[in-house]
């Protein structure tokens, strides 16, 4: 099933702006109301999935958090944890009994050593999405909201105020990591399923929300990773142009967007979001180093002064990924910086949220990164020394460079060419 689905989505395009609708009122000022009687959230133990479940439960929705992991936070009243794999049809089928909405937030392979497990990434992100779609159809669940990523369209090219109609999917065969590639495949699978018939009659309505980096007081992925990079000296240099812009999204704004999307897949809203995709963020453009200033200050680390050419950083990332891939059978190590991260700091990638405002009534609230930093610093573990980590990574890199240049002389020629330009 997975191979067939992948083949079908490779060259598919979707018309995203075919429906016109009047501007919705500012939902952020309205009293929260229930948009579902019972909702299942795959990936519900993660920071975003748990935050979404907590918000839905407050409105009176019965919530199932479906995840292989346990959440770090206390499970609130009205929320049930089902600890199981999204790829397991029987477990997910049982968990979805009586549900009228599924939020598919589960994914694998974004950061860390997970990035090296390509087969597992594909199995979860593509295969798992196939299972979710099949369960929705068999369980007669009429609504499915998919948590996607801007990475389905961005992979190292400048995008300035892109929108859903003008920015195409990045070619699958050109993605630099398996995570972005499989998120793209999965998103297209979900959108293609819009209008599918349910086993007991009726139709399945689907949509996808594309998020950039997520932040928030309890966020456990980006903040610790950024703090570790800063403390270990991996932010010792400025990379690329100082004018590169990007978007971020606070977890509560992303929660708001998902709840509004669920409502926009109902007959009361004329299924306005059916088959649609939306960019979601805080409606702000930021420069990375300026954005990270509160974290540098909080950690007591001076921001970098020396700027390094992006071509040199890109070359280092390429070599590092080759070296660590060769070492994977022996030991799994996370590269200090990968090609995808180089793209994030090297190229402006900003998007419009006009469509989400128009269709969903999305109205992002104002949050500050400094508040999230303050919470993180108060609750994190004690600072550790990174001297030996730096030394080890430096040795691995230098030895790896020598090995790569000996085994792949064409890489040496390319390096000389890039540095001479």
Protein backbone atom coordinates (compact mmCIF):
# COMPACT_ATOMS: atom_id res chain seq x y z
CA UNK A 1 0.00 0.00 0.00
CA UNK A 2 2.80 2.43 0.95
CA UNK A 3 4.64 2.17 -2.39
CA UNK A 4 1.44 2.64 -4.34
CA UNK A 5 0.54 5.76 -2.33
CA UNK A 6 4.00 7.24 -2.80
CA UNK A 7 3.85 6.73 -6.55
CA UNK A 8 0.45 8.41 -6.74
CA UNK A 9 1.56 11.56 -4.91
CA UNK A 10 4.85 12.21 -6.67
CA UNK A 11 3.49 14.49 -9.37
CA UNK A 12 0.14 15.45 -7.86
CA UNK A 13 -0.74 19.11 -7.39
CA UNK A 14 -3.61 20.49 -5.38
CA UNK A 15 -5.77 23.51 -6.01
CA UNK A 16 -5.73 25.23 -2.66
CA UNK A 17 -7.66 28.45 -3.13
CA UNK A 18 -10.77 27.37 -4.96
CA UNK A 19 -13.20 28.37 -2.17
CA UNK A 20 -14.15 31.90 -1.25
CA UNK A 21 -15.41 32.74 2.21
CA UNK A 22 -16.07 35.85 4.21
CA UNK A 23 -13.65 36.98 6.89
CA UNK A 24 -14.28 35.18 10.17
CA UNK A 25 -14.34 37.07 13.50
CA UNK A 26 -11.31 37.09 15.77
CA UNK A 27 -11.55 33.67 17.40
CA UNK A 28 -8.88 34.47 19.96
CA UNK A 29 -11.37 36.76 21.75
CA UNK A 30 -14.18 34.23 21.82
CA UNK A 31 -15.00 31.81 24.63
CA UNK A 32 -13.55 28.35 23.78
CA UNK A 33 -16.23 25.96 22.61
CA UNK A 34 -16.29 22.25 21.90
CA UNK A 35 -15.57 21.31 18.29
CA UNK A 36 -15.53 17.54 18.86
CA UNK A 37 -17.20 15.01 21.14
CA UNK A 38 -14.25 12.63 21.01
CA UNK A 39 -10.91 13.37 19.37
CA UNK A 40 -7.87 11.16 18.88
CA UNK A 41 -4.44 12.79 18.72
CA UNK A 42 -1.64 10.69 17.26
CA UNK A 43 1.69 11.81 18.69
CA UNK A 44 -0.29 13.05 21.70
CA UNK A 45 2.59 12.62 24.16
CA UNK A 46 4.70 15.22 22.38
CA UNK A 47 4.72 18.88 23.37
CA UNK A 48 2.35 20.06 20.69
CA UNK A 49 0.06 17.02 20.72
CA UNK A 50 -0.28 17.20 24.51
CA UNK A 51 -0.95 20.96 24.41
CA UNK A 52 -3.66 20.38 21.82
CA UNK A 53 -5.21 17.60 23.90
CA UNK A 54 -5.20 19.76 27.01
CA UNK A 55 -6.98 22.59 25.17
CA UNK A 56 -9.59 20.26 23.67
CA UNK A 57 -10.26 18.69 27.07
CA UNK A 58 -10.88 22.11 28.60
CA UNK A 59 -13.68 22.65 26.07
CA UNK A 60 -15.37 19.39 27.08
CA UNK A 61 -14.00 17.06 24.40
CA UNK A 62 -13.11 13.50 25.34
CA UNK A 63 -9.48 13.18 24.24
CA UNK A 64 -7.37 10.14 23.40
CA UNK A 65 -3.62 10.75 23.36
CA UNK A 66 -2.22 8.02 21.11
CA UNK A 67 1.57 7.68 21.29
CA UNK A 68 4.34 5.12 21.80
CA UNK A 69 5.75 7.36 24.52
CA UNK A 70 4.40 8.70 27.78
CA UNK A 71 3.96 12.47 28.16
CA UNK A 72 6.22 14.41 30.50
CA UNK A 73 3.24 16.20 32.00
CA UNK A 74 0.36 15.12 34.22
CA UNK A 75 -2.58 13.88 32.18
CA UNK A 76 -5.60 16.13 32.86
CA UNK A 77 -9.18 15.10 33.48
CA UNK A 78 -11.03 14.04 30.34
CA UNK A 79 -7.84 12.80 28.66
CA UNK A 80 -6.87 9.14 28.20
CA UNK A 81 -3.42 7.90 27.11
CA UNK A 82 -3.23 4.93 24.75
CA UNK A 83 0.39 3.87 24.49
CA UNK A 84 0.71 2.24 21.07
CA UNK A 85 2.38 2.62 17.66
CA UNK A 86 0.71 4.66 14.93
CA UNK A 87 1.68 1.89 12.48
CA UNK A 88 -0.42 -0.66 14.39
CA UNK A 89 -3.82 -0.80 12.67
CA UNK A 90 -5.61 -2.84 15.35
CA UNK A 91 -4.50 -0.63 18.24
CA UNK A 92 -5.39 2.58 16.45
CA UNK A 93 -8.72 1.14 15.28
CA UNK A 94 -9.62 0.29 18.88
CA UNK A 95 -8.56 3.72 20.17
CA UNK A 96 -10.71 5.50 17.57
CA UNK A 97 -13.99 3.90 18.59
CA UNK A 98 -16.62 6.64 18.77
CA UNK A 99 -14.27 9.39 17.60
CA UNK A 100 -15.49 12.11 15.27
CA UNK A 101 -12.12 13.78 14.64
CA UNK A 102 -8.46 12.74 14.36
CA UNK A 103 -5.49 15.09 14.68
CA UNK A 104 -2.49 13.36 13.08
CA UNK A 105 0.54 15.01 14.70
CA UNK A 106 2.77 11.92 14.99
CA UNK A 107 6.05 11.94 13.08
CA UNK A 108 9.61 10.71 13.38
CA UNK A 109 13.08 11.79 12.28
CA UNK A 110 13.14 15.57 12.66
CA UNK A 111 16.28 15.92 14.77
CA UNK A 112 19.01 14.01 16.58
CA UNK A 113 20.09 10.48 15.72
CA UNK A 114 16.52 9.83 14.52
CA UNK A 115 17.59 11.48 11.25
CA UNK A 116 19.85 8.49 10.50
CA UNK A 117 17.02 5.92 10.62
CA UNK A 118 15.62 6.38 7.14
CA UNK A 119 13.57 3.18 7.00
CA UNK A 120 11.94 3.95 10.32
CA UNK A 121 11.22 7.53 9.26
CA UNK A 122 9.44 6.30 6.15
CA UNK A 123 7.59 3.59 8.06
CA UNK A 124 6.19 6.06 10.61
CA UNK A 125 5.64 9.15 8.49
CA UNK A 126 4.31 7.48 5.36
CA UNK A 127 3.19 4.04 6.51
CA UNK A 128 1.68 5.43 9.71
CA UNK A 129 -0.27 8.03 7.76
CA UNK A 130 -1.66 5.28 5.55
CA UNK A 131 -2.89 3.45 8.66
CA UNK A 132 -4.50 6.64 10.02
CA UNK A 133 -6.37 7.19 6.76
CA UNK A 134 -7.59 3.60 6.64
CA UNK A 135 -8.79 3.70 10.25
CA UNK A 136 -10.67 6.96 9.64
CA UNK A 137 -12.51 5.37 6.73
CA UNK A 138 -13.31 2.12 8.56
CA UNK A 139 -14.31 3.90 11.78
CA UNK A 140 -16.48 6.45 9.91
CA UNK A 141 -14.49 9.39 11.27
CA UNK A 142 -15.41 12.40 9.10
CA UNK A 143 -12.52 14.76 9.98
CA UNK A 144 -8.73 14.45 9.80
CA UNK A 145 -6.33 17.33 10.45
CA UNK A 146 -2.68 16.71 9.57
CA UNK A 147 0.18 18.58 11.24
CA UNK A 148 2.56 19.24 8.36
CA UNK A 149 5.71 21.31 7.97
CA UNK A 150 7.03 24.16 5.85
CA UNK A 151 9.73 21.66 4.84
CA UNK A 152 7.37 20.20 2.25
CA UNK A 153 8.00 23.32 0.15
CA UNK A 154 11.30 24.67 1.52
CA UNK A 155 14.63 22.93 1.03
CA UNK A 156 17.24 25.62 0.45
CA UNK A 157 15.66 28.16 -1.88
CA UNK A 158 14.62 31.69 -1.03
CA UNK A 159 10.88 32.05 -0.39
CA UNK A 160 9.65 35.55 0.43
CA UNK A 161 6.06 35.78 1.67
CA UNK A 162 5.07 32.60 -0.11
CA UNK A 163 1.46 31.47 -0.10
CA UNK A 164 -0.33 28.17 -0.57
CA UNK A 165 -1.24 28.81 -4.20
CA UNK A 166 2.12 30.03 -5.48
CA UNK A 167 4.67 27.85 -3.66
CA UNK A 168 4.81 24.31 -5.10
CA UNK A 169 5.95 21.13 -3.38
CA UNK A 170 9.70 20.77 -3.44
CA UNK A 171 10.64 17.84 -5.73
CA UNK A 172 10.79 14.65 -3.70
CA UNK A 173 14.03 13.46 -5.27
CA UNK A 174 15.80 16.71 -4.31
CA UNK A 175 15.04 16.78 -0.58
CA UNK A 176 18.19 16.65 1.52
CA UNK A 177 16.67 14.62 4.36
CA UNK A 178 14.19 11.78 4.69
CA UNK A 179 12.04 13.61 7.22
CA UNK A 180 11.10 16.45 4.86
CA UNK A 181 10.56 14.07 1.96
CA UNK A 182 8.23 11.80 3.93
CA UNK A 183 6.30 14.72 5.43
CA UNK A 184 5.62 15.88 1.88
CA UNK A 185 4.42 12.45 0.80
CA UNK A 186 2.21 12.14 3.87
CA UNK A 187 0.67 15.59 3.42
CA UNK A 188 -0.23 14.80 -0.17
CA UNK A 189 -1.74 11.48 0.89
CA UNK A 190 -3.96 13.27 3.43
CA UNK A 191 -5.12 15.94 1.00
CA UNK A 192 -5.80 13.36 -1.73
CA UNK A 193 -8.05 11.48 0.71
CA UNK A 194 -10.40 14.45 1.07
CA UNK A 195 -13.84 13.43 -0.14
CA UNK A 196 -13.17 9.69 0.29
CA UNK A 197 -16.22 7.62 1.19
CA UNK A 198 -16.51 6.22 4.70
CA UNK A 199 -17.42 2.60 5.31
CA UNK A 200 -20.79 3.48 6.84
CA UNK A 201 -21.66 6.29 4.44
CA UNK A 202 -20.67 9.92 4.38
CA UNK A 203 -17.29 11.35 3.46
CA UNK A 204 -13.91 12.00 4.99
CA UNK A 205 -12.81 15.66 5.03
CA UNK A 206 -9.14 16.46 5.47
CA UNK A 207 -6.77 19.41 5.65
CA UNK A 208 -3.12 20.10 6.52
CA UNK A 209 -1.45 22.83 8.59
CA UNK A 210 2.16 23.70 7.74
CA UNK A 211 4.15 24.85 10.75
CA UNK A 212 7.67 26.31 11.01
CA UNK A 213 9.72 25.86 14.19
CA UNK A 214 7.54 25.56 17.30
CA UNK A 215 8.39 27.24 20.60
CA UNK A 216 6.70 27.55 23.98
CA UNK A 217 7.47 27.31 27.70
CA UNK A 218 7.36 23.50 27.84
CA UNK A 219 8.79 22.79 24.37
CA UNK A 220 11.28 19.91 24.56
CA UNK A 221 12.87 19.71 21.10
CA UNK A 222 14.03 23.05 19.67
CA UNK A 223 14.87 24.94 22.88
CA UNK A 224 17.16 22.30 24.48
CA UNK A 225 18.83 21.66 21.12
CA UNK A 226 19.49 25.37 20.53
CA UNK A 227 20.74 25.83 24.10
CA UNK A 228 23.09 22.87 23.74
CA UNK A 229 24.47 24.21 20.46
CA UNK A 230 25.08 27.63 21.98
CA UNK A 231 26.80 26.27 25.10
CA UNK A 232 28.94 23.82 23.14
CA UNK A 233 30.24 26.57 20.87
CA UNK A 234 28.39 25.50 17.74
CA UNK A 235 27.06 29.07 17.44
CA UNK A 236 30.57 30.55 17.68
CA UNK A 237 30.25 32.14 14.23
CA UNK A 238 27.64 34.06 12.31
CA UNK A 239 26.51 32.10 9.29
CA UNK A 240 25.53 33.61 5.96
CA UNK A 241 23.71 36.89 5.44
CA UNK A 242 22.48 38.91 8.45
CA UNK A 243 19.27 39.69 6.58
CA UNK A 244 17.87 36.15 6.38
CA UNK A 245 14.30 36.03 7.71
CA UNK A 246 12.12 33.18 8.95
CA UNK A 247 8.89 32.50 10.83
CA UNK A 248 8.23 30.71 14.14
CA UNK A 249 4.99 29.64 15.80
CA UNK A 250 4.08 29.56 19.47
CA UNK A 251 2.51 26.28 20.50
CA UNK A 252 -0.71 27.98 21.62
CA UNK A 253 -1.15 29.65 18.24
CA UNK A 254 -0.66 26.29 16.55
CA UNK A 255 -3.23 24.75 18.91
CA UNK A 256 -5.67 27.51 18.03
CA UNK A 257 -5.19 26.85 14.31
CA UNK A 258 -5.85 23.11 14.68
CA UNK A 259 -9.04 23.62 16.65
CA UNK A 260 -10.28 26.14 14.09
CA UNK A 261 -9.38 23.71 11.29
CA UNK A 262 -11.46 20.98 12.95
CA UNK A 263 -14.42 23.34 13.05
CA UNK A 264 -13.83 24.33 9.41
CA UNK A 265 -14.33 20.67 8.36
CA UNK A 266 -17.95 20.61 9.55
CA UNK A 267 -21.17 21.15 7.57
CA UNK A 268 -21.84 24.26 9.69
CA UNK A 269 -18.74 25.80 8.09
CA UNK A 270 -19.56 24.34 4.68
CA UNK A 271 -16.42 22.13 4.87
CA UNK A 272 -14.43 25.21 3.86
CA UNK A 273 -11.11 23.60 4.85
CA UNK A 274 -11.73 20.33 3.00
CA UNK A 275 -8.71 19.42 0.87
CA UNK A 276 -6.94 22.64 1.82
CA UNK A 277 -3.50 23.41 3.25
CA UNK A 278 -2.56 26.38 5.42
CA UNK A 279 0.67 28.05 6.53
CA UNK A 280 0.52 28.78 10.26
CA UNK A 281 2.85 31.02 12.29
CA UNK A 282 2.94 34.01 14.65
CA UNK A 283 2.65 36.57 11.82
CA UNK A 284 6.18 37.78 12.50
CA UNK A 285 9.42 37.67 10.50
CA UNK A 286 12.57 37.32 12.57
CA UNK A 287 16.32 37.17 12.11
CA UNK A 288 17.69 34.08 13.82
CA UNK A 289 20.45 35.66 15.93
CA UNK A 290 18.18 38.50 17.05
CA UNK A 291 15.48 35.97 17.87
CA UNK A 292 17.94 33.92 19.94
CA UNK A 293 19.29 36.91 21.91
CA UNK A 294 17.28 36.09 25.08
CA UNK A 295 18.72 32.56 25.05
CA UNK A 296 22.31 33.78 24.58
CA UNK A 297 21.81 36.28 27.42
CA UNK A 298 20.15 33.72 29.68
CA UNK A 299 22.98 31.23 29.15
CA UNK A 300 25.63 33.90 29.69
CA UNK A 301 27.13 33.33 26.25
CA UNK A 302 28.23 36.21 24.02
CA UNK A 303 26.70 36.29 20.57
CA UNK A 304 29.16 35.56 17.73
CA UNK A 305 30.99 38.43 16.07
CA UNK A 306 32.82 36.72 13.19
CA UNK A 307 30.86 35.84 10.06
CA UNK A 308 31.71 32.67 8.10
CA UNK A 309 30.87 32.23 4.38
CA UNK A 310 27.86 29.99 3.99
CA UNK A 311 29.59 27.94 1.27
CA UNK A 312 32.21 26.84 3.80
CA UNK A 313 29.55 25.90 6.35
CA UNK A 314 27.63 23.98 3.70
CA UNK A 315 30.76 22.07 2.70
CA UNK A 316 31.45 21.22 6.36
CA UNK A 317 27.88 19.95 6.78
CA UNK A 318 28.17 17.76 3.67
CA UNK A 319 31.45 16.23 4.85
CA UNK A 320 30.15 15.74 8.39
CA UNK A 321 27.04 13.92 7.16
CA UNK A 322 29.15 11.64 4.98
CA UNK A 323 31.52 10.89 7.86
CA UNK A 324 28.77 10.15 10.38
CA UNK A 325 26.90 8.01 7.86
CA UNK A 326 30.05 5.91 7.42
CA UNK A 327 30.37 5.63 11.21
CA UNK A 328 26.72 4.68 11.77
CA UNK A 329 27.35 0.89 11.83
CA UNK A 330 29.80 1.48 14.68
CA UNK A 331 28.32 4.42 16.58
CA UNK A 332 25.40 6.82 16.05
CA UNK A 333 26.31 10.49 16.38
CA UNK A 334 24.25 13.58 15.70
CA UNK A 335 26.03 15.99 13.34
CA UNK A 336 26.70 19.42 14.93
CA UNK A 337 25.01 20.92 11.89
CA UNK A 338 23.36 19.25 8.92
CA UNK A 339 22.58 20.43 5.40
CA UNK A 340 18.95 21.18 6.24
CA UNK A 341 19.98 23.41 9.15
CA UNK A 342 22.39 25.25 6.86
CA UNK A 343 19.49 25.93 4.52
CA UNK A 344 17.44 27.32 7.40
CA UNK A 345 20.06 29.93 8.29
CA UNK A 346 21.21 30.67 4.74
CA UNK A 347 17.96 31.44 2.93
CA UNK A 348 14.98 33.63 3.75
CA UNK A 349 11.81 31.54 3.99
CA UNK A 350 8.73 33.43 5.05
CA UNK A 351 5.07 32.71 4.36
CA UNK A 352 1.71 34.47 4.39
CA UNK A 353 -1.08 33.40 6.73
CA UNK A 354 -3.83 35.30 4.89
CA UNK A 355 -5.58 32.12 3.82
CA UNK A 356 -5.73 30.79 7.39
CA UNK A 357 -7.15 34.11 8.54
CA UNK A 358 -9.77 34.06 5.78
CA UNK A 359 -10.86 30.42 5.88
CA UNK A 360 -10.35 29.57 9.54
CA UNK A 361 -10.59 32.88 11.36
CA UNK A 362 -7.03 32.30 12.60
CA UNK A 363 -5.80 35.21 14.72
CA UNK A 364 -2.37 34.57 16.26
CA UNK A 365 -1.80 36.01 19.71
CA UNK A 366 1.38 37.86 20.65
CA UNK A 367 3.99 35.82 22.52
CA UNK A 368 7.65 36.45 23.28
CA UNK A 369 10.50 34.01 22.96
CA UNK A 370 12.01 35.54 26.12
CA UNK A 371 9.15 34.13 28.23
CA UNK A 372 9.85 30.62 26.92
CA UNK A 373 13.57 31.06 27.60
CA UNK A 374 12.89 32.14 31.17
CA UNK A 375 10.74 29.05 31.81
CA UNK A 376 13.32 26.76 30.21
CA UNK A 377 16.23 28.13 32.26
CA UNK A 378 14.28 27.74 35.52
CA UNK A 379 13.35 24.14 34.82
CA UNK A 380 16.27 22.65 32.94
CA UNK A 381 18.96 20.42 34.36
CA UNK A 382 22.21 21.92 35.60
CA UNK A 383 24.66 23.09 33.00
CA UNK A 384 27.21 20.53 31.89
CA UNK A 385 30.71 20.97 30.50
CA UNK A 386 30.97 20.50 26.76
CA UNK A 387 34.77 20.45 26.52
CA UNK A 388 35.10 16.75 25.76
CA UNK A 389 32.15 16.87 23.36
CA UNK A 390 33.82 19.67 21.44
CA UNK A 391 37.14 17.84 21.40
CA UNK A 392 35.57 14.56 20.29
CA UNK A 393 33.53 16.16 17.50
CA UNK A 394 36.59 18.06 16.29
CA UNK A 395 38.66 14.87 16.14
CA UNK A 396 35.88 12.97 14.38
CA UNK A 397 35.52 15.79 11.87
CA UNK A 398 39.23 16.09 11.10
CA UNK A 399 39.73 12.35 10.78
CA UNK A 400 36.56 12.10 8.73
CA UNK A 401 37.73 14.81 6.35
CA UNK A 402 40.93 12.90 5.69
CA UNK A 403 39.04 9.65 5.13
CA UNK A 404 36.53 11.29 2.79
CA UNK A 405 39.25 13.04 0.77
CA UNK A 406 41.17 9.77 0.39
CA UNK A 407 38.17 7.64 -0.49
CA UNK A 408 36.33 10.24 -2.54
CA UNK A 409 38.86 12.44 -4.37
CA UNK A 410 36.01 14.15 -6.23
CA UNK A 411 34.93 15.72 -2.92
CA UNK A 412 38.42 17.20 -2.52
CA UNK A 413 38.22 18.69 -6.02
CA UNK A 414 34.77 20.14 -5.26
CA UNK A 415 36.04 21.61 -1.96
CA UNK A 416 38.95 23.35 -3.68
CA UNK A 417 36.61 24.70 -6.34
CA UNK A 418 34.11 26.09 -3.80
CA UNK A 419 36.76 27.72 -1.63
CA UNK A 420 38.49 29.28 -4.62
CA UNK A 421 35.32 30.99 -5.83
